[in-house]
PDB file of N, CA and C in Angstrom:
ATOM      1  N   MET A   1     135.154  92.765 121.270  1.00  0.00           N
ATOM      2  CA  MET A   1     133.852  92.397 121.776  1.00  0.00           C
ATOM      3  C   MET A   1     133.036  91.766 120.651  1.00  0.00           C
ATOM      4  N   LYS A   2     132.211  90.802 121.022  1.00  0.00           N
ATOM      5  CA  LYS A   2     131.330  90.164 120.044  1.00  0.00           C
ATOM      6  C   LYS A   2     129.883  90.444 120.411  1.00  0.00           C
ATOM      7  N   PHE A   3     129.083  90.629 119.378  1.00  0.00           N
ATOM      8  CA  PHE A   3     127.668  90.902 119.553  1.00  0.00           C
ATOM      9  C   PHE A   3     126.875  89.942 118.673  1.00  0.00           C
ATOM     10  N   ARG A   4     125.669  89.610 119.122  1.00  0.00           N
ATOM     11  CA  ARG A   4     124.775  88.766 118.326  1.00  0.00           C
ATOM     12  C   ARG A   4     123.533  89.586 117.992  1.00  0.00           C
ATOM     13  N   ALA A   5     123.183  89.561 116.709  1.00  0.00           N
ATOM     14  CA  ALA A   5     121.998  90.279 116.245  1.00  0.00           C
ATOM     15  C   ALA A   5     121.050  89.300 115.564  1.00  0.00           C
ATOM     16  N   LYS A   6     119.761  89.539 115.758  1.00  0.00           N
ATOM     17  CA  LYS A   6     118.719  88.790 115.053  1.00  0.00           C
ATOM     18  C   LYS A   6     117.901  89.807 114.276  1.00  0.00           C
ATOM     19  N   VAL A   7     117.821  89.575 112.963  1.00  0.00           N
ATOM     20  CA  VAL A   7     117.200  90.543 112.058  1.00  0.00           C
ATOM     21  C   VAL A   7     116.191  89.819 111.179  1.00  0.00           C
ATOM     22  N   ILE A   8     115.034  90.446 110.963  1.00  0.00           N
ATOM     23  CA  ILE A   8     114.061  89.913 110.016  1.00  0.00           C
ATOM     24  C   ILE A   8     113.927  90.904 108.865  1.00  0.00           C
ATOM     25  N   VAL A   9     113.911  90.358 107.656  1.00  0.00           N
ATOM     26  CA  VAL A   9     113.758  91.156 106.442  1.00  0.00           C
ATOM     27  C   VAL A   9     112.477  90.696 105.770  1.00  0.00           C
ATOM     28  N   LYS A  10     111.633  91.653 105.382  1.00  0.00           N
ATOM     29  CA  LYS A  10     110.402  91.289 104.694  1.00  0.00           C
ATOM     30  C   LYS A  10     110.073  92.329 103.640  1.00  0.00           C
ATOM     31  N   LEU A  11     109.174  91.941 102.748  1.00  0.00           N
ATOM     32  CA  LEU A  11     108.742  92.868 101.713  1.00  0.00           C
ATOM     33  C   LEU A  11     107.964  94.015 102.338  1.00  0.00           C
ATOM     34  N   LYS A  12     108.092  95.198 101.751  1.00  0.00           N
ATOM     35  CA  LYS A  12     107.297  96.329 102.205  1.00  0.00           C
ATOM     36  C   LYS A  12     105.825  95.997 102.005  1.00  0.00           C
ATOM     37  N   ASN A  13     104.969  96.587 102.817  1.00  0.00           N
ATOM     38  CA  ASN A  13     103.538  96.325 102.721  1.00  0.00           C
ATOM     39  C   ASN A  13     102.953  96.703 101.372  1.00  0.00           C
ATOM     40  N   THR A  14     103.598  97.616 100.670  1.00  0.00           N
ATOM     41  CA  THR A  14     103.101  98.060  99.365  1.00  0.00           C
ATOM     42  C   THR A  14     103.513  97.115  98.232  1.00  0.00           C
ATOM     43  N   VAL A  15     104.332  96.110  98.537  1.00  0.00           N
ATOM     44  CA  VAL A  15     104.822  95.167  97.532  1.00  0.00           C
ATOM     45  C   VAL A  15     104.025  93.867  97.634  1.00  0.00           C
ATOM     46  N   LYS A  16     103.567  93.385  96.490  1.00  0.00           N
ATOM     47  CA  LYS A  16     102.804  92.140  96.466  1.00  0.00           C
ATOM     48  C   LYS A  16     103.703  90.977  96.891  1.00  0.00           C
ATOM     49  N   ASP A  17     103.193  90.157  97.812  1.00  0.00           N
ATOM     50  CA  ASP A  17     103.925  89.002  98.321  1.00  0.00           C
ATOM     51  C   ASP A  17     103.281  87.734  97.757  1.00  0.00           C
ATOM     52  N   ALA A  18     103.711  87.320  96.583  1.00  0.00           N
ATOM     53  CA  ALA A  18     103.112  86.168  95.909  1.00  0.00           C
ATOM     54  C   ALA A  18     103.264  84.884  96.725  1.00  0.00           C
ATOM     55  N   LYS A  19     104.407  84.688  97.352  1.00  0.00           N
ATOM     56  CA  LYS A  19     104.605  83.487  98.167  1.00  0.00           C
ATOM     57  C   LYS A  19     103.692  83.506  99.391  1.00  0.00           C
ATOM     58  N   GLY A  20     103.548  84.652 100.009  1.00  0.00           N
ATOM     59  CA  GLY A  20     102.645  84.781 101.143  1.00  0.00           C
ATOM     60  C   GLY A  20     101.209  84.504 100.738  1.00  0.00           C
ATOM     61  N   GLU A  21     100.815  84.995  99.571  1.00  0.00           N
ATOM     62  CA  GLU A  21      99.462  84.735  99.073  1.00  0.00           C
ATOM     63  C   GLU A  21      99.255  83.249  98.811  1.00  0.00           C
ATOM     64  N   ALA A  22     100.284  82.576  98.312  1.00  0.00           N
ATOM     65  CA  ALA A  22     100.185  81.132  98.061  1.00  0.00           C
ATOM     66  C   ALA A  22     100.001  80.369  99.376  1.00  0.00           C
ATOM     67  N   VAL A  23     100.740  80.750 100.407  1.00  0.00           N
ATOM     68  CA  VAL A  23     100.589  80.103 101.715  1.00  0.00           C
ATOM     69  C   VAL A  23      99.186  80.359 102.259  1.00  0.00           C
ATOM     70  N   SER A  24      98.706  81.588 102.146  1.00  0.00           N
ATOM     71  CA  SER A  24      97.356  81.914 102.602  1.00  0.00           C
ATOM     72  C   SER A  24      96.311  81.066 101.888  1.00  0.00           C
ATOM     73  N   ALA A  25      96.479  80.884 100.578  1.00  0.00           N
ATOM     74  CA  ALA A  25      95.532  80.083  99.807  1.00  0.00           C
ATOM     75  C   ALA A  25      95.528  78.628 100.271  1.00  0.00           C
ATOM     76  N   VAL A  26      96.687  78.087 100.550  1.00  0.00           N
ATOM     77  CA  VAL A  26      96.775  76.700 101.035  1.00  0.00           C
ATOM     78  C   VAL A  26      96.112  76.581 102.407  1.00  0.00           C
ATOM     79  N   LEU A  27      96.381  77.519 103.303  1.00  0.00           N
ATOM     80  CA  LEU A  27      95.769  77.492 104.632  1.00  0.00           C
ATOM     81  C   LEU A  27      94.247  77.512 104.530  1.00  0.00           C
ATOM     82  N   LYS A  28      93.743  78.348 103.625  1.00  0.00           N
ATOM     83  CA  LYS A  28      92.292  78.425 103.432  1.00  0.00           C
ATOM     84  C   LYS A  28      91.757  77.126 102.829  1.00  0.00           C
ATOM     85  N   ARG A  29      92.452  76.599 101.818  1.00  0.00           N
ATOM     86  CA  ARG A  29      92.003  75.404 101.113  1.00  0.00           C
ATOM     87  C   ARG A  29      91.938  74.183 102.033  1.00  0.00           C
ATOM     88  N   ILE A  30      92.897  74.057 102.948  1.00  0.00           N
ATOM     89  CA  ILE A  30      92.902  72.880 103.818  1.00  0.00           C
ATOM     90  C   ILE A  30      92.142  73.117 105.125  1.00  0.00           C
ATOM     91  N   GLY A  31      91.534  74.295 105.249  1.00  0.00           N
ATOM     92  CA  GLY A  31      90.655  74.563 106.367  1.00  0.00           C
ATOM     93  C   GLY A  31      91.332  74.953 107.671  1.00  0.00           C
ATOM     94  N   LEU A  32      92.594  75.344 107.623  1.00  0.00           N
ATOM     95  CA  LEU A  32      93.278  75.746 108.852  1.00  0.00           C
ATOM     96  C   LEU A  32      93.057  77.216 109.202  1.00  0.00           C
ATOM     97  N   GLU A  33      92.807  78.050 108.202  1.00  0.00           N
ATOM     98  CA  GLU A  33      92.596  79.476 108.450  1.00  0.00           C
ATOM     99  C   GLU A  33      91.793  80.055 107.296  1.00  0.00           C
ATOM    100  N   ASP A  34      90.624  80.618 107.613  1.00  0.00           N
ATOM    101  CA  ASP A  34      89.758  81.174 106.571  1.00  0.00           C
ATOM    102  C   ASP A  34      90.213  82.543 106.075  1.00  0.00           C
ATOM    103  N   ALA A  35      90.785  83.335 106.944  1.00  0.00           N
ATOM    104  CA  ALA A  35      91.145  84.706 106.577  1.00  0.00           C
ATOM    105  C   ALA A  35      92.634  84.954 106.766  1.00  0.00           C
ATOM    106  N   ALA A  36      93.458  84.014 106.335  1.00  0.00           N
ATOM    107  CA  ALA A  36      94.909  84.157 106.501  1.00  0.00           C
ATOM    108  C   ALA A  36      95.430  85.325 105.674  1.00  0.00           C
ATOM    109  N   ASN A  37      96.276  86.120 106.274  1.00  0.00           N
ATOM    110  CA  ASN A  37      96.981  87.186 105.567  1.00  0.00           C
ATOM    111  C   ASN A  37      98.458  86.970 105.862  1.00  0.00           C
ATOM    112  N   THR A  38      99.078  86.132 105.067  1.00  0.00           N
ATOM    113  CA  THR A  38     100.435  85.678 105.332  1.00  0.00           C
ATOM    114  C   THR A  38     101.441  86.464 104.511  1.00  0.00           C
ATOM    115  N   ARG A  39     102.521  86.883 105.168  1.00  0.00           N
ATOM    116  CA  ARG A  39     103.630  87.523 104.466  1.00  0.00           C
ATOM    117  C   ARG A  39     104.895  86.789 104.871  1.00  0.00           C
ATOM    118  N   LEU A  40     105.715  86.462 103.902  1.00  0.00           N
ATOM    119  CA  LEU A  40     106.949  85.739 104.174  1.00  0.00           C
ATOM    120  C   LEU A  40     108.103  86.710 104.363  1.00  0.00           C
ATOM    121  N   GLY A  41     109.116  86.252 105.073  1.00  0.00           N
ATOM    122  CA  GLY A  41     110.301  87.056 105.295  1.00  0.00           C
ATOM    123  C   GLY A  41     111.523  86.169 105.429  1.00  0.00           C
ATOM    124  N   LYS A  42     112.646  86.795 105.713  1.00  0.00           N
ATOM    125  CA  LYS A  42     113.904  86.077 105.918  1.00  0.00           C
ATOM    126  C   LYS A  42     114.428  86.445 107.301  1.00  0.00           C
ATOM    127  N   PHE A  43     114.951  85.446 107.995  1.00  0.00           N
ATOM    128  CA  PHE A  43     115.500  85.651 109.333  1.00  0.00           C
ATOM    129  C   PHE A  43     117.012  85.473 109.271  1.00  0.00           C
ATOM    130  N   PHE A  44     117.738  86.412 109.879  1.00  0.00           N
ATOM    131  CA  PHE A  44     119.199  86.342 109.923  1.00  0.00           C
ATOM    132  C   PHE A  44     119.660  86.423 111.372  1.00  0.00           C
ATOM    133  N   GLU A  45     120.636  85.589 111.718  1.00  0.00           N
ATOM    134  CA  GLU A  45     121.313  85.693 113.008  1.00  0.00           C
ATOM    135  C   GLU A  45     122.779  85.951 112.689  1.00  0.00           C
ATOM    136  N   LEU A  46     123.298  87.056 113.184  1.00  0.00           N
ATOM    137  CA  LEU A  46     124.650  87.501 112.842  1.00  0.00           C
ATOM    138  C   LEU A  46     125.502  87.642 114.096  1.00  0.00           C
ATOM    139  N   GLU A  47     126.783  87.347 113.962  1.00  0.00           N
ATOM    140  CA  GLU A  47     127.764  87.667 114.995  1.00  0.00           C
ATOM    141  C   GLU A  47     128.644  88.777 114.457  1.00  0.00           C
ATOM    142  N   ILE A  48     128.782  89.828 115.236  1.00  0.00           N
ATOM    143  CA  ILE A  48     129.527  91.009 114.814  1.00  0.00           C
ATOM    144  C   ILE A  48     130.629  91.280 115.832  1.00  0.00           C
ATOM    145  N   THR A  49     131.832  91.511 115.337  1.00  0.00           N
ATOM    146  CA  THR A  49     132.962  91.860 116.190  1.00  0.00           C
ATOM    147  C   THR A  49     133.197  93.362 116.083  1.00  0.00           C
ATOM    148  N   ALA A  50     133.302  94.020 117.236  1.00  0.00           N
ATOM    149  CA  ALA A  50     133.518  95.463 117.250  1.00  0.00           C
ATOM    150  C   ALA A  50     134.189  95.851 118.566  1.00  0.00           C
ATOM    151  N   GLY A  51     134.777  97.029 118.578  1.00  0.00           N
ATOM    152  CA  GLY A  51     135.452  97.518 119.769  1.00  0.00           C
ATOM    153  C   GLY A  51     134.498  97.918 120.885  1.00  0.00           C
ATOM    154  N   ASP A  52     133.303  98.419 120.502  1.00  0.00           N
ATOM    155  CA  ASP A  52     132.301  98.811 121.495  1.00  0.00           C
ATOM    156  C   ASP A  52     130.906  98.747 120.873  1.00  0.00           C
ATOM    157  N   ARG A  53     129.901  99.032 121.680  1.00  0.00           N
ATOM    158  CA  ARG A  53     128.501  98.928 121.252  1.00  0.00           C
ATOM    159  C   ARG A  53     128.185  99.892 120.098  1.00  0.00           C
ATOM    160  N   ASP A  54     128.688 101.111 120.166  1.00  0.00           N
ATOM    161  CA  ASP A  54     128.412 102.087 119.106  1.00  0.00           C
ATOM    162  C   ASP A  54     128.958 101.611 117.761  1.00  0.00           C
ATOM    163  N   GLU A  55     130.176 101.097 117.762  1.00  0.00           N
ATOM    164  CA  GLU A  55     130.768 100.574 116.530  1.00  0.00           C
ATOM    165  C   GLU A  55     129.959  99.387 116.012  1.00  0.00           C
ATOM    166  N   ALA A  56     129.525  98.525 116.906  1.00  0.00           N
ATOM    167  CA  ALA A  56     128.719  97.364 116.522  1.00  0.00           C
ATOM    168  C   ALA A  56     127.381  97.796 115.931  1.00  0.00           C
ATOM    169  N   ASP A  57     126.757  98.814 116.523  1.00  0.00           N
ATOM    170  CA  ASP A  57     125.497  99.353 115.997  1.00  0.00           C
ATOM    171  C   ASP A  57     125.674  99.838 114.562  1.00  0.00           C
ATOM    172  N   LYS A  58     126.740 100.579 114.335  1.00  0.00           N
ATOM    173  CA  LYS A  58     127.005 101.112 112.993  1.00  0.00           C
ATOM    174  C   LYS A  58     127.267  99.985 112.001  1.00  0.00           C
ATOM    175  N   LYS A  59     128.031  98.986 112.421  1.00  0.00           N
ATOM    176  CA  LYS A  59     128.303  97.839 111.548  1.00  0.00           C
ATOM    177  C   LYS A  59     127.007  97.116 111.185  1.00  0.00           C
ATOM    178  N   LEU A  60     126.164  96.886 112.190  1.00  0.00           N
ATOM    179  CA  LEU A  60     124.911  96.182 111.943  1.00  0.00           C
ATOM    180  C   LEU A  60     124.027  96.964 110.978  1.00  0.00           C
ATOM    181  N   GLU A  61     123.896  98.252 111.164  1.00  0.00           N
ATOM    182  CA  GLU A  61     123.086  99.071 110.256  1.00  0.00           C
ATOM    183  C   GLU A  61     123.631  98.996 108.831  1.00  0.00           C
ATOM    184  N   ASN A  62     124.948  99.069 108.676  1.00  0.00           N
ATOM    185  CA  ASN A  62     125.552  98.968 107.347  1.00  0.00           C
ATOM    186  C   ASN A  62     125.321  97.597 106.724  1.00  0.00           C
ATOM    187  N   ILE A  63     125.442  96.538 107.512  1.00  0.00           N
ATOM    188  CA  ILE A  63     125.198  95.185 107.007  1.00  0.00           C
ATOM    189  C   ILE A  63     123.766  95.072 106.517  1.00  0.00           C
ATOM    190  N   CYS A  64     122.833  95.562 107.309  1.00  0.00           N
ATOM    191  CA  CYS A  64     121.422  95.490 106.912  1.00  0.00           C
ATOM    192  C   CYS A  64     121.175  96.268 105.627  1.00  0.00           C
ATOM    193  N   LYS A  65     121.633  97.501 105.579  1.00  0.00           N
ATOM    194  CA  LYS A  65     121.357  98.375 104.440  1.00  0.00           C
ATOM    195  C   LYS A  65     122.108  97.981 103.170  1.00  0.00           C
ATOM    196  N   GLU A  66     123.343  97.500 103.317  1.00  0.00           N
ATOM    197  CA  GLU A  66     124.181  97.223 102.156  1.00  0.00           C
ATOM    198  C   GLU A  66     124.126  95.780 101.664  1.00  0.00           C
ATOM    199  N   VAL A  67     123.758  94.831 102.540  1.00  0.00           N
ATOM    200  CA  VAL A  67     123.846  93.416 102.182  1.00  0.00           C
ATOM    201  C   VAL A  67     122.500  92.695 102.285  1.00  0.00           C
ATOM    202  N   LEU A  68     121.808  92.854 103.387  1.00  0.00           N
ATOM    203  CA  LEU A  68     120.623  92.033 103.646  1.00  0.00           C
ATOM    204  C   LEU A  68     119.359  92.519 102.945  1.00  0.00           C
ATOM    205  N   VAL A  69     119.250  93.816 102.718  1.00  0.00           N
ATOM    206  CA  VAL A  69     117.985  94.403 102.264  1.00  0.00           C
ATOM    207  C   VAL A  69     118.121  95.059 100.899  1.00  0.00           C
ATOM    208  N   ASN A  70     117.107  94.830 100.076  1.00  0.00           N
ATOM    209  CA  ASN A  70     116.937  95.625  98.860  1.00  0.00           C
ATOM    210  C   ASN A  70     115.975  96.746  99.250  1.00  0.00           C
ATOM    211  N   PRO A  71     116.464  97.968  99.461  1.00  0.00           N
ATOM    212  CA  PRO A  71     115.632  99.032 100.014  1.00  0.00           C
ATOM    213  C   PRO A  71     114.451  99.446  99.134  1.00  0.00           C
ATOM    214  N   VAL A  72     114.478  99.069  97.880  1.00  0.00           N
ATOM    215  CA  VAL A  72     113.360  99.403  96.993  1.00  0.00           C
ATOM    216  C   VAL A  72     112.114  98.616  97.373  1.00  0.00           C
ATOM    217  N   VAL A  73     112.284  97.345  97.750  1.00  0.00           N
ATOM    218  CA  VAL A  73     111.126  96.480  97.995  1.00  0.00           C
ATOM    219  C   VAL A  73     111.080  95.865  99.388  1.00  0.00           C
ATOM    220  N   GLU A  74     112.162  95.992 100.170  1.00  0.00           N
ATOM    221  CA  GLU A  74     112.220  95.323 101.465  1.00  0.00           C
ATOM    222  C   GLU A  74     112.454  96.309 102.602  1.00  0.00           C
ATOM    223  N   THR A  75     112.102  95.839 103.782  1.00  0.00           N
ATOM    224  CA  THR A  75     112.361  96.567 105.012  1.00  0.00           C
ATOM    225  C   THR A  75     112.960  95.585 106.020  1.00  0.00           C
ATOM    226  N   TYR A  76     113.563  96.095 107.070  1.00  0.00           N
ATOM    227  CA  TYR A  76     114.133  95.187 108.069  1.00  0.00           C
ATOM    228  C   TYR A  76     113.796  95.665 109.466  1.00  0.00           C
ATOM    229  N   GLU A  77     113.851  94.710 110.383  1.00  0.00           N
ATOM    230  CA  GLU A  77     113.636  95.005 111.791  1.00  0.00           C
ATOM    231  C   GLU A  77     114.670  94.237 112.597  1.00  0.00           C
ATOM    232  N   ILE A  78     115.351  94.916 113.488  1.00  0.00           N
ATOM    233  CA  ILE A  78     116.314  94.278 114.372  1.00  0.00           C
ATOM    234  C   ILE A  78     115.531  93.765 115.576  1.00  0.00           C
ATOM    235  N   LEU A  79     115.433  92.435 115.676  1.00  0.00           N
ATOM    236  CA  LEU A  79     114.660  91.829 116.754  1.00  0.00           C
ATOM    237  C   LEU A  79     115.400  91.846 118.071  1.00  0.00           C
ATOM    238  N   SER A  80     116.706  91.605 118.017  1.00  0.00           N
ATOM    239  CA  SER A  80     117.527  91.676 119.223  1.00  0.00           C
ATOM    240  C   SER A  80     118.965  91.946 118.831  1.00  0.00           C
ATOM    241  N   PHE A  81     119.692  92.570 119.745  1.00  0.00           N
ATOM    242  CA  PHE A  81     121.091  92.901 119.519  1.00  0.00           C
ATOM    243  C   PHE A  81     121.744  92.963 120.885  1.00  0.00           C
ATOM    244  N   GLU A  82     122.613  91.997 121.161  1.00  0.00           N
ATOM    245  CA  GLU A  82     123.184  91.908 122.511  1.00  0.00           C
ATOM    246  C   GLU A  82     124.648  91.496 122.471  1.00  0.00           C
ATOM    247  N   GLU A  83     125.342  91.883 123.500  1.00  0.00           N
ATOM    248  CA  GLU A  83     126.735  91.483 123.649  1.00  0.00           C
ATOM    249  C   GLU A  83     126.781  90.010 124.037  1.00  0.00           C
ATOM    250  N   MET A  84     127.704  89.290 123.421  1.00  0.00           N
ATOM    251  CA  MET A  84     127.865  87.870 123.727  1.00  0.00           C
ATOM    252  C   MET A  84     128.803  87.727 124.919  1.00  0.00           C
ATOM    253  N   ALA A  85     128.522  86.751 125.736  1.00  0.00           N
ATOM    254  CA  ALA A  85     129.357  86.508 126.925  1.00  0.00           C
ATOM    255  C   ALA A  85     130.649  85.818 126.544  1.00  0.00           C
TER     256      ALA A  85
END
């Protein structure tokens, strides 16, 4: 079985996001947003092969924790996880 997952990884709220602050400053400077509070992240779309949904869930959690995220400064959110037709 194949599954498709969409995951977003971003800095923890307690970690300074210098790139996000730079985007916010530009938005303010060019007059598009006066009170921008921008935080940047990374988006991943993954295809996972597994025998069943439980195995796929475990694989996805391991991929996120072991490969995609630095747990000291980042967090992740699984936006969607579905079986592919």
